[in-house]
């Protein structure tokens, strides 16, 4: 596939870019280079490679949920400058 001016216009519109004339040729060359590299990759024999969704072998890193005792609410509220109805009282920040 060859990258022409129409394709540059299309891609730059998708990317919401305004390319000056002096950058259009560089963009064309860069896009052409990407396509050529993709062609090289498509020629690589991947017959014995298992499909994967991640490059590193990953296992579930999440821990099991455990019910644990929490802090005492009254002790926590002692650090608050102002308390109302068992909650921190702060100045209004949104109208």
PDB file of N, CA and C in Angstrom:
ATOM      1  N   UNK A   1       0.846  -1.178   0.000  1.00  0.00           N
ATOM      2  CA  UNK A   1       0.000   0.000   0.000  1.00  0.00           C
ATOM      3  C   UNK A   1       0.889   1.237   0.000  1.00  0.00           C
ATOM      4  N   UNK A   2       0.598   2.135  -0.900  1.00  0.00           N
ATOM      5  CA  UNK A   2       1.345   3.388  -0.974  1.00  0.00           C
ATOM      6  C   UNK A   2       0.559   4.489  -0.270  1.00  0.00           C
ATOM      7  N   UNK A   3       1.273   5.303   0.461  1.00  0.00           N
ATOM      8  CA  UNK A   3       0.667   6.439   1.146  1.00  0.00           C
ATOM      9  C   UNK A   3       0.690   7.620   0.180  1.00  0.00           C
ATOM     10  N   UNK A   4      -0.491   8.133  -0.146  1.00  0.00           N
ATOM     11  CA  UNK A   4      -0.574   9.289  -1.047  1.00  0.00           C
ATOM     12  C   UNK A   4      -1.124  10.497  -0.269  1.00  0.00           C
ATOM     13  N   UNK A   5      -1.274  11.612  -0.967  1.00  0.00           N
ATOM     14  CA  UNK A   5      -1.755  12.835  -0.318  1.00  0.00           C
ATOM     15  C   UNK A   5      -3.149  12.670   0.264  1.00  0.00           C
ATOM     16  N   UNK A   6      -3.978  11.908  -0.406  1.00  0.00           N
ATOM     17  CA  UNK A   6      -5.338  11.685   0.085  1.00  0.00           C
ATOM     18  C   UNK A   6      -5.311  10.943   1.425  1.00  0.00           C
ATOM     19  N   UNK A   7      -4.420   9.953   1.524  1.00  0.00           N
ATOM     20  CA  UNK A   7      -4.294   9.198   2.769  1.00  0.00           C
ATOM     21  C   UNK A   7      -3.738  10.086   3.877  1.00  0.00           C
ATOM     22  N   UNK A   8      -2.775  10.950   3.565  1.00  0.00           N
ATOM     23  CA  UNK A   8      -2.235  11.884   4.552  1.00  0.00           C
ATOM     24  C   UNK A   8      -3.344  12.804   5.055  1.00  0.00           C
ATOM     25  N   UNK A   9      -4.175  13.312   4.145  1.00  0.00           N
ATOM     26  CA  UNK A   9      -5.301  14.166   4.533  1.00  0.00           C
ATOM     27  C   UNK A   9      -6.252  13.407   5.459  1.00  0.00           C
ATOM     28  N   UNK A  10      -6.551  12.162   5.101  1.00  0.00           N
ATOM     29  CA  UNK A  10      -7.486  11.354   5.871  1.00  0.00           C
ATOM     30  C   UNK A  10      -6.944  11.088   7.278  1.00  0.00           C
ATOM     31  N   UNK A  11      -5.700  10.645   7.375  1.00  0.00           N
ATOM     32  CA  UNK A  11      -5.105  10.310   8.665  1.00  0.00           C
ATOM     33  C   UNK A  11      -4.940  11.562   9.522  1.00  0.00           C
ATOM     34  N   UNK A  12      -4.512  12.652   8.926  1.00  0.00           N
ATOM     35  CA  UNK A  12      -4.341  13.877   9.711  1.00  0.00           C
ATOM     36  C   UNK A  12      -5.693  14.399  10.199  1.00  0.00           C
ATOM     37  N   UNK A  13      -6.750  14.216   9.417  1.00  0.00           N
ATOM     38  CA  UNK A  13      -8.087  14.622   9.866  1.00  0.00           C
ATOM     39  C   UNK A  13      -8.535  13.745  11.034  1.00  0.00           C
ATOM     40  N   UNK A  14      -8.280  12.439  10.950  1.00  0.00           N
ATOM     41  CA  UNK A  14      -8.634  11.551  12.054  1.00  0.00           C
ATOM     42  C   UNK A  14      -7.898  11.920  13.329  1.00  0.00           C
ATOM     43  N   UNK A  15      -6.635  12.294  13.176  1.00  0.00           N
ATOM     44  CA  UNK A  15      -5.809  12.655  14.326  1.00  0.00           C
ATOM     45  C   UNK A  15      -5.996  14.111  14.737  1.00  0.00           C
ATOM     46  N   UNK A  16      -6.852  14.797  14.013  1.00  0.00           N
ATOM     47  CA  UNK A  16      -7.101  16.231  14.260  1.00  0.00           C
ATOM     48  C   UNK A  16      -5.800  17.032  14.242  1.00  0.00           C
ATOM     49  N   UNK A  17      -4.987  16.740  13.222  1.00  0.00           N
ATOM     50  CA  UNK A  17      -3.727  17.438  13.027  1.00  0.00           C
ATOM     51  C   UNK A  17      -3.813  18.325  11.798  1.00  0.00           C
ATOM     52  N   UNK A  18      -3.159  19.427  11.875  1.00  0.00           N
ATOM     53  CA  UNK A  18      -3.038  20.299  10.717  1.00  0.00           C
ATOM     54  C   UNK A  18      -1.563  20.288  10.317  1.00  0.00           C
ATOM     55  N   UNK A  19      -1.266  19.563   9.248  1.00  0.00           N
ATOM     56  CA  UNK A  19       0.128  19.426   8.838  1.00  0.00           C
ATOM     57  C   UNK A  19       0.493  20.495   7.822  1.00  0.00           C
ATOM     58  N   UNK A  20       1.509  21.281   8.121  1.00  0.00           N
ATOM     59  CA  UNK A  20       2.004  22.225   7.120  1.00  0.00           C
ATOM     60  C   UNK A  20       2.619  21.451   5.955  1.00  0.00           C
ATOM     61  N   UNK A  21       2.704  22.091   4.811  1.00  0.00           N
ATOM     62  CA  UNK A  21       3.219  21.429   3.603  1.00  0.00           C
ATOM     63  C   UNK A  21       4.602  20.824   3.812  1.00  0.00           C
ATOM     64  N   UNK A  22       5.462  21.496   4.583  1.00  0.00           N
ATOM     65  CA  UNK A  22       6.818  20.985   4.762  1.00  0.00           C
ATOM     66  C   UNK A  22       6.862  19.737   5.650  1.00  0.00           C
ATOM     67  N   UNK A  23       5.803  19.443   6.407  1.00  0.00           N
ATOM     68  CA  UNK A  23       5.770  18.255   7.259  1.00  0.00           C
ATOM     69  C   UNK A  23       5.015  17.095   6.616  1.00  0.00           C
ATOM     70  N   UNK A  24       4.271  17.366   5.572  1.00  0.00           N
ATOM     71  CA  UNK A  24       3.469  16.320   4.923  1.00  0.00           C
ATOM     72  C   UNK A  24       4.344  15.205   4.338  1.00  0.00           C
ATOM     73  N   UNK A  25       5.444  15.568   3.712  1.00  0.00           N
ATOM     74  CA  UNK A  25       6.325  14.565   3.113  1.00  0.00           C
ATOM     75  C   UNK A  25       6.957  13.692   4.195  1.00  0.00           C
ATOM     76  N   UNK A  26       7.369  14.299   5.303  1.00  0.00           N
ATOM     77  CA  UNK A  26       7.947  13.534   6.418  1.00  0.00           C
ATOM     78  C   UNK A  26       6.893  12.593   6.992  1.00  0.00           C
ATOM     79  N   UNK A  27       5.658  13.058   7.147  1.00  0.00           N
ATOM     80  CA  UNK A  27       4.574  12.211   7.654  1.00  0.00           C
ATOM     81  C   UNK A  27       4.306  11.058   6.692  1.00  0.00           C
ATOM     82  N   UNK A  28       4.323  11.337   5.389  1.00  0.00           N
ATOM     83  CA  UNK A  28       4.112  10.289   4.396  1.00  0.00           C
ATOM     84  C   UNK A  28       5.183   9.221   4.501  1.00  0.00           C
ATOM     85  N   UNK A  29       6.445   9.646   4.617  1.00  0.00           N
ATOM     86  CA  UNK A  29       7.553   8.708   4.735  1.00  0.00           C
ATOM     87  C   UNK A  29       7.427   7.874   6.020  1.00  0.00           C
ATOM     88  N   UNK A  30       7.056   8.535   7.114  1.00  0.00           N
ATOM     89  CA  UNK A  30       6.913   7.825   8.385  1.00  0.00           C
ATOM     90  C   UNK A  30       5.803   6.779   8.314  1.00  0.00           C
ATOM     91  N   UNK A  31       4.661   7.155   7.754  1.00  0.00           N
ATOM     92  CA  UNK A  31       3.559   6.204   7.626  1.00  0.00           C
ATOM     93  C   UNK A  31       3.930   5.050   6.698  1.00  0.00           C
ATOM     94  N   UNK A  32       4.617   5.354   5.626  1.00  0.00           N
ATOM     95  CA  UNK A  32       5.058   4.314   4.701  1.00  0.00           C
ATOM     96  C   UNK A  32       6.010   3.356   5.416  1.00  0.00           C
ATOM     97  N   UNK A  33       6.890   3.899   6.232  1.00  0.00           N
ATOM     98  CA  UNK A  33       7.836   3.073   6.990  1.00  0.00           C
ATOM     99  C   UNK A  33       7.101   2.152   7.965  1.00  0.00           C
ATOM    100  N   UNK A  34       6.069   2.653   8.620  1.00  0.00           N
ATOM    101  CA  UNK A  34       5.284   1.834   9.545  1.00  0.00           C
ATOM    102  C   UNK A  34       4.621   0.686   8.789  1.00  0.00           C
ATOM    103  N   UNK A  35       4.027   0.981   7.646  1.00  0.00           N
ATOM    104  CA  UNK A  35       3.374  -0.058   6.855  1.00  0.00           C
ATOM    105  C   UNK A  35       4.371  -1.111   6.364  1.00  0.00           C
ATOM    106  N   UNK A  36       5.564  -0.677   5.969  1.00  0.00           N
ATOM    107  CA  UNK A  36       6.581  -1.625   5.521  1.00  0.00           C
ATOM    108  C   UNK A  36       7.017  -2.538   6.665  1.00  0.00           C
ATOM    109  N   UNK A  37       7.137  -1.978   7.862  1.00  0.00           N
ATOM    110  CA  UNK A  37       7.515  -2.786   9.025  1.00  0.00           C
ATOM    111  C   UNK A  37       6.402  -3.766   9.374  1.00  0.00           C
ATOM    112  N   UNK A  38       5.147  -3.337   9.276  1.00  0.00           N
ATOM    113  CA  UNK A  38       4.022  -4.245   9.522  1.00  0.00           C
ATOM    114  C   UNK A  38       4.047  -5.390   8.527  1.00  0.00           C
ATOM    115  N   UNK A  39       4.435  -5.132   7.302  1.00  0.00           N
ATOM    116  CA  UNK A  39       4.541  -6.190   6.288  1.00  0.00           C
ATOM    117  C   UNK A  39       5.623  -7.189   6.675  1.00  0.00           C
ATOM    118  N   UNK A  40       6.751  -6.685   7.167  1.00  0.00           N
ATOM    119  CA  UNK A  40       7.833  -7.576   7.613  1.00  0.00           C
ATOM    120  C   UNK A  40       7.330  -8.457   8.753  1.00  0.00           C
ATOM    121  N   UNK A  41       6.609  -7.870   9.703  1.00  0.00           N
ATOM    122  CA  UNK A  41       6.093  -8.638  10.833  1.00  0.00           C
ATOM    123  C   UNK A  41       5.096  -9.698  10.389  1.00  0.00           C
ATOM    124  N   UNK A  42       4.306  -9.394   9.365  1.00  0.00           N
ATOM    125  CA  UNK A  42       3.311 -10.363   8.906  1.00  0.00           C
ATOM    126  C   UNK A  42       3.966 -11.567   8.239  1.00  0.00           C
ATOM    127  N   UNK A  43       5.221 -11.446   7.849  1.00  0.00           N
ATOM    128  CA  UNK A  43       5.932 -12.547   7.212  1.00  0.00           C
ATOM    129  C   UNK A  43       6.627 -13.462   8.221  1.00  0.00           C
ATOM    130  N   UNK A  44       6.632 -13.089   9.492  1.00  0.00           N
ATOM    131  CA  UNK A  44       7.284 -13.898  10.525  1.00  0.00           C
ATOM    132  C   UNK A  44       6.446 -15.143  10.789  1.00  0.00           C
ATOM    133  N   UNK A  45       7.123 -16.298  10.866  1.00  0.00           N
ATOM    134  CA  UNK A  45       6.437 -17.553  11.145  1.00  0.00           C
ATOM    135  C   UNK A  45       6.086 -17.614  12.629  1.00  0.00           C
ATOM    136  N   UNK A  46       4.790 -17.574  12.938  1.00  0.00           N
ATOM    137  CA  UNK A  46       4.326 -17.643  14.319  1.00  0.00           C
ATOM    138  C   UNK A  46       3.550 -18.934  14.573  1.00  0.00           C
ATOM    139  N   UNK A  47       3.803 -19.945  13.753  1.00  0.00           N
ATOM    140  CA  UNK A  47       3.064 -21.194  13.839  1.00  0.00           C
ATOM    141  C   UNK A  47       3.131 -21.874  15.194  1.00  0.00           C
ATOM    142  N   UNK A  48       4.284 -21.862  15.842  1.00  0.00           N
ATOM    143  CA  UNK A  48       4.425 -22.547  17.127  1.00  0.00           C
ATOM    144  C   UNK A  48       4.243 -21.648  18.332  1.00  0.00           C
ATOM    145  N   UNK A  49       3.756 -20.447  18.113  1.00  0.00           N
ATOM    146  CA  UNK A  49       3.625 -19.497  19.213  1.00  0.00           C
ATOM    147  C   UNK A  49       2.191 -19.518  19.730  1.00  0.00           C
ATOM    148  N   UNK A  50       2.055 -19.710  21.043  1.00  0.00           N
ATOM    149  CA  UNK A  50       0.731 -19.716  21.657  1.00  0.00           C
ATOM    150  C   UNK A  50       0.167 -18.295  21.680  1.00  0.00           C
ATOM    151  N   UNK A  51      -1.110 -18.151  21.360  1.00  0.00           N
ATOM    152  CA  UNK A  51      -1.733 -16.826  21.469  1.00  0.00           C
ATOM    153  C   UNK A  51      -1.724 -16.359  22.921  1.00  0.00           C
ATOM    154  N   UNK A  52      -1.563 -15.075  23.119  1.00  0.00           N
ATOM    155  CA  UNK A  52      -1.571 -14.544  24.479  1.00  0.00           C
ATOM    156  C   UNK A  52      -2.169 -13.147  24.476  1.00  0.00           C
ATOM    157  N   UNK A  53      -2.565 -12.723  25.647  1.00  0.00           N
ATOM    158  CA  UNK A  53      -3.102 -11.369  25.774  1.00  0.00           C
ATOM    159  C   UNK A  53      -2.119 -10.454  26.478  1.00  0.00           C
ATOM    160  N   UNK A  54      -0.987 -11.016  26.894  1.00  0.00           N
ATOM    161  CA  UNK A  54      -0.001 -10.228  27.623  1.00  0.00           C
ATOM    162  C   UNK A  54       1.372 -10.793  27.306  1.00  0.00           C
ATOM    163  N   UNK A  55       2.374  -9.932  27.221  1.00  0.00           N
ATOM    164  CA  UNK A  55       3.714 -10.401  26.861  1.00  0.00           C
ATOM    165  C   UNK A  55       4.396 -11.156  27.996  1.00  0.00           C
ATOM    166  N   UNK A  56       4.025 -10.862  29.217  1.00  0.00           N
ATOM    167  CA  UNK A  56       4.608 -11.554  30.361  1.00  0.00           C
ATOM    168  C   UNK A  56       3.585 -12.527  30.926  1.00  0.00           C
ATOM    169  N   UNK A  57       4.073 -13.647  31.424  1.00  0.00           N
ATOM    170  CA  UNK A  57       3.149 -14.584  32.048  1.00  0.00           C
ATOM    171  C   UNK A  57       2.619 -13.934  33.317  1.00  0.00           C
ATOM    172  N   UNK A  58       1.338 -13.699  33.348  1.00  0.00           N
ATOM    173  CA  UNK A  58       0.734 -13.023  34.487  1.00  0.00           C
ATOM    174  C   UNK A  58      -0.251 -13.958  35.165  1.00  0.00           C
ATOM    175  N   UNK A  59      -0.270 -13.865  36.464  1.00  0.00           N
ATOM    176  CA  UNK A  59      -1.262 -14.595  37.239  1.00  0.00           C
ATOM    177  C   UNK A  59      -2.077 -13.574  37.999  1.00  0.00           C
ATOM    178  N   UNK A  60      -3.179 -14.013  38.532  1.00  0.00           N
ATOM    179  CA  UNK A  60      -4.033 -13.094  39.278  1.00  0.00           C
ATOM    180  C   UNK A  60      -3.257 -12.561  40.479  1.00  0.00           C
ATOM    181  N   UNK A  61      -3.024 -11.270  40.501  1.00  0.00           N
ATOM    182  CA  UNK A  61      -2.246 -10.669  41.576  1.00  0.00           C
ATOM    183  C   UNK A  61      -3.131 -10.109  42.682  1.00  0.00           C
ATOM    184  N   UNK A  62      -4.428 -10.269  42.538  1.00  0.00           N
ATOM    185  CA  UNK A  62      -5.334  -9.753  43.557  1.00  0.00           C
ATOM    186  C   UNK A  62      -5.393 -10.719  44.732  1.00  0.00           C
ATOM    187  N   UNK A  63      -5.502 -10.167  45.901  1.00  0.00           N
ATOM    188  CA  UNK A  63      -5.626 -11.004  47.087  1.00  0.00           C
ATOM    189  C   UNK A  63      -7.101 -11.260  47.356  1.00  0.00           C
ATOM    190  N   UNK A  64      -7.369 -12.259  48.144  1.00  0.00           N
ATOM    191  CA  UNK A  64      -8.737 -12.540  48.551  1.00  0.00           C
ATOM    192  C   UNK A  64      -9.202 -11.445  49.507  1.00  0.00           C
ATOM    193  N   UNK A  65     -10.469 -11.101  49.432  1.00  0.00           N
ATOM    194  CA  UNK A  65     -11.035 -10.135  50.374  1.00  0.00           C
ATOM    195  C   UNK A  65     -11.118 -10.791  51.753  1.00  0.00           C
ATOM    196  N   UNK A  66     -10.671 -10.065  52.734  1.00  0.00           N
ATOM    197  CA  UNK A  66     -10.738 -10.555  54.104  1.00  0.00           C
ATOM    198  C   UNK A  66     -11.409  -9.505  54.964  1.00  0.00           C
ATOM    199  N   UNK A  67     -12.314  -9.939  55.809  1.00  0.00           N
ATOM    200  CA  UNK A  67     -12.953  -9.020  56.744  1.00  0.00           C
ATOM    201  C   UNK A  67     -11.975  -8.793  57.876  1.00  0.00           C
ATOM    202  N   UNK A  68     -11.644  -7.521  58.100  1.00  0.00           N
ATOM    203  CA  UNK A  68     -10.690  -7.172  59.135  1.00  0.00           C
ATOM    204  C   UNK A  68     -11.298  -6.069  59.987  1.00  0.00           C
ATOM    205  N   UNK A  69     -10.872  -5.990  61.226  1.00  0.00           N
ATOM    206  CA  UNK A  69     -11.409  -4.920  62.072  1.00  0.00           C
ATOM    207  C   UNK A  69     -10.989  -3.560  61.522  1.00  0.00           C
ATOM    208  N   UNK A  70     -11.872  -2.598  61.645  1.00  0.00           N
ATOM    209  CA  UNK A  70     -11.610  -1.254  61.162  1.00  0.00           C
ATOM    210  C   UNK A  70     -11.221  -0.353  62.329  1.00  0.00           C
ATOM    211  N   UNK A  71     -10.869   0.875  62.006  1.00  0.00           N
ATOM    212  CA  UNK A  71     -10.562   1.841  63.049  1.00  0.00           C
ATOM    213  C   UNK A  71     -11.856   2.277  63.729  1.00  0.00           C
ATOM    214  N   UNK A  72     -11.742   2.679  64.961  1.00  0.00           N
ATOM    215  CA  UNK A  72     -12.899   3.174  65.691  1.00  0.00           C
ATOM    216  C   UNK A  72     -13.260   4.564  65.160  1.00  0.00           C
ATOM    217  N   UNK A  73     -14.515   4.725  64.767  1.00  0.00           N
ATOM    218  CA  UNK A  73     -14.966   5.978  64.159  1.00  0.00           C
ATOM    219  C   UNK A  73     -14.766   7.164  65.101  1.00  0.00           C
ATOM    220  N   UNK A  74     -15.059   6.981  66.372  1.00  0.00           N
ATOM    221  CA  UNK A  74     -14.903   8.099  67.324  1.00  0.00           C
ATOM    222  C   UNK A  74     -13.445   8.529  67.433  1.00  0.00           C
ATOM    223  N   UNK A  75     -12.521   7.550  67.394  1.00  0.00           N
ATOM    224  CA  UNK A  75     -11.099   7.885  67.467  1.00  0.00           C
ATOM    225  C   UNK A  75     -10.655   8.673  66.231  1.00  0.00           C
ATOM    226  N   UNK A  76     -11.147   8.283  65.082  1.00  0.00           N
ATOM    227  CA  UNK A  76     -10.775   8.971  63.844  1.00  0.00           C
ATOM    228  C   UNK A  76     -11.319  10.392  63.845  1.00  0.00           C
ATOM    229  N   UNK A  77     -12.558  10.553  64.279  1.00  0.00           N
ATOM    230  CA  UNK A  77     -13.173  11.879  64.259  1.00  0.00           C
ATOM    231  C   UNK A  77     -12.544  12.840  65.273  1.00  0.00           C
ATOM    232  N   UNK A  78     -11.768  12.328  66.208  1.00  0.00           N
ATOM    233  CA  UNK A  78     -11.080  13.208  67.162  1.00  0.00           C
ATOM    234  C   UNK A  78     -10.080  14.115  66.454  1.00  0.00           C
ATOM    235  N   UNK A  79      -9.571  13.691  65.288  1.00  0.00           N
ATOM    236  CA  UNK A  79      -8.585  14.497  64.573  1.00  0.00           C
ATOM    237  C   UNK A  79      -9.238  15.573  63.711  1.00  0.00           C
ATOM    238  N   UNK A  80     -10.551  15.536  63.576  1.00  0.00           N
ATOM    239  CA  UNK A  80     -11.254  16.499  62.722  1.00  0.00           C
ATOM    240  C   UNK A  80     -11.399  17.832  63.438  1.00  0.00           C
ATOM    241  N   UNK A  81     -11.184  18.944  62.726  1.00  0.00           N
ATOM    242  CA  UNK A  81     -11.382  20.248  63.344  1.00  0.00           C
ATOM    243  C   UNK A  81     -12.847  20.479  63.715  1.00  0.00           C
ATOM    244  N   UNK A  82     -13.765  19.976  62.863  1.00  0.00           N
ATOM    245  CA  UNK A  82     -15.198  20.131  63.126  1.00  0.00           C
ATOM    246  C   UNK A  82     -15.921  18.854  62.711  1.00  0.00           C
ATOM    247  N   UNK A  83     -16.901  18.464  63.504  1.00  0.00           N
ATOM    248  CA  UNK A  83     -17.666  17.246  63.241  1.00  0.00           C
ATOM    249  C   UNK A  83     -19.142  17.580  63.364  1.00  0.00           C
ATOM    250  N   UNK A  84     -19.946  16.974  62.477  1.00  0.00           N
ATOM    251  CA  UNK A  84     -21.393  17.135  62.560  1.00  0.00           C
ATOM    252  C   UNK A  84     -22.034  15.804  62.191  1.00  0.00           C
ATOM    253  N   UNK A  85     -22.909  15.309  63.008  1.00  0.00           N
ATOM    254  CA  UNK A  85     -23.629  14.056  62.783  1.00  0.00           C
ATOM    255  C   UNK A  85     -22.682  12.894  62.479  1.00  0.00           C
ATOM    256  N   UNK A  86     -21.553  12.849  63.189  1.00  0.00           N
ATOM    257  CA  UNK A  86     -20.624  11.743  63.026  1.00  0.00           C
ATOM    258  C   UNK A  86     -19.800  11.798  61.745  1.00  0.00           C
ATOM    259  N   UNK A  87     -19.718  12.977  61.114  1.00  0.00           N
ATOM    260  CA  UNK A  87     -18.956  13.116  59.884  1.00  0.00           C
ATOM    261  C   UNK A  87     -18.075  14.360  59.962  1.00  0.00           C
ATOM    262  N   UNK A  88     -16.995  14.344  59.168  1.00  0.00           N
ATOM    263  CA  UNK A  88     -16.150  15.530  59.063  1.00  0.00           C
ATOM    264  C   UNK A  88     -16.986  16.681  58.513  1.00  0.00           C
ATOM    265  N   UNK A  89     -16.850  17.856  59.072  1.00  0.00           N
ATOM    266  CA  UNK A  89     -17.535  19.037  58.569  1.00  0.00           C
ATOM    267  C   UNK A  89     -16.481  19.921  57.911  1.00  0.00           C
ATOM    268  N   UNK A  90     -16.648  20.133  56.600  1.00  0.00           N
ATOM    269  CA  UNK A  90     -15.676  20.908  55.836  1.00  0.00           C
ATOM    270  C   UNK A  90     -16.388  22.071  55.149  1.00  0.00           C
ATOM    271  N   UNK A  91     -15.626  23.101  54.784  1.00  0.00           N
ATOM    272  CA  UNK A  91     -16.255  24.217  54.073  1.00  0.00           C
ATOM    273  C   UNK A  91     -16.795  23.773  52.723  1.00  0.00           C
ATOM    274  N   UNK A  92     -17.868  24.401  52.298  1.00  0.00           N
ATOM    275  CA  UNK A  92     -18.466  24.117  51.000  1.00  0.00           C
ATOM    276  C   UNK A  92     -17.501  24.576  49.914  1.00  0.00           C
ATOM    277  N   UNK A  93     -17.251  23.702  48.938  1.00  0.00           N
ATOM    278  CA  UNK A  93     -16.319  24.053  47.865  1.00  0.00           C
ATOM    279  C   UNK A  93     -16.981  24.156  46.517  1.00  0.00           C
ATOM    280  N   UNK A  94     -18.215  23.683  46.385  1.00  0.00           N
ATOM    281  CA  UNK A  94     -18.920  23.723  45.107  1.00  0.00           C
ATOM    282  C   UNK A  94     -20.256  24.413  45.325  1.00  0.00           C
ATOM    283  N   UNK A  95     -20.567  25.344  44.450  1.00  0.00           N
ATOM    284  CA  UNK A  95     -21.846  26.040  44.554  1.00  0.00           C
ATOM    285  C   UNK A  95     -22.941  25.233  43.941  1.00  0.00           C
TER     286      UNK A  95
END
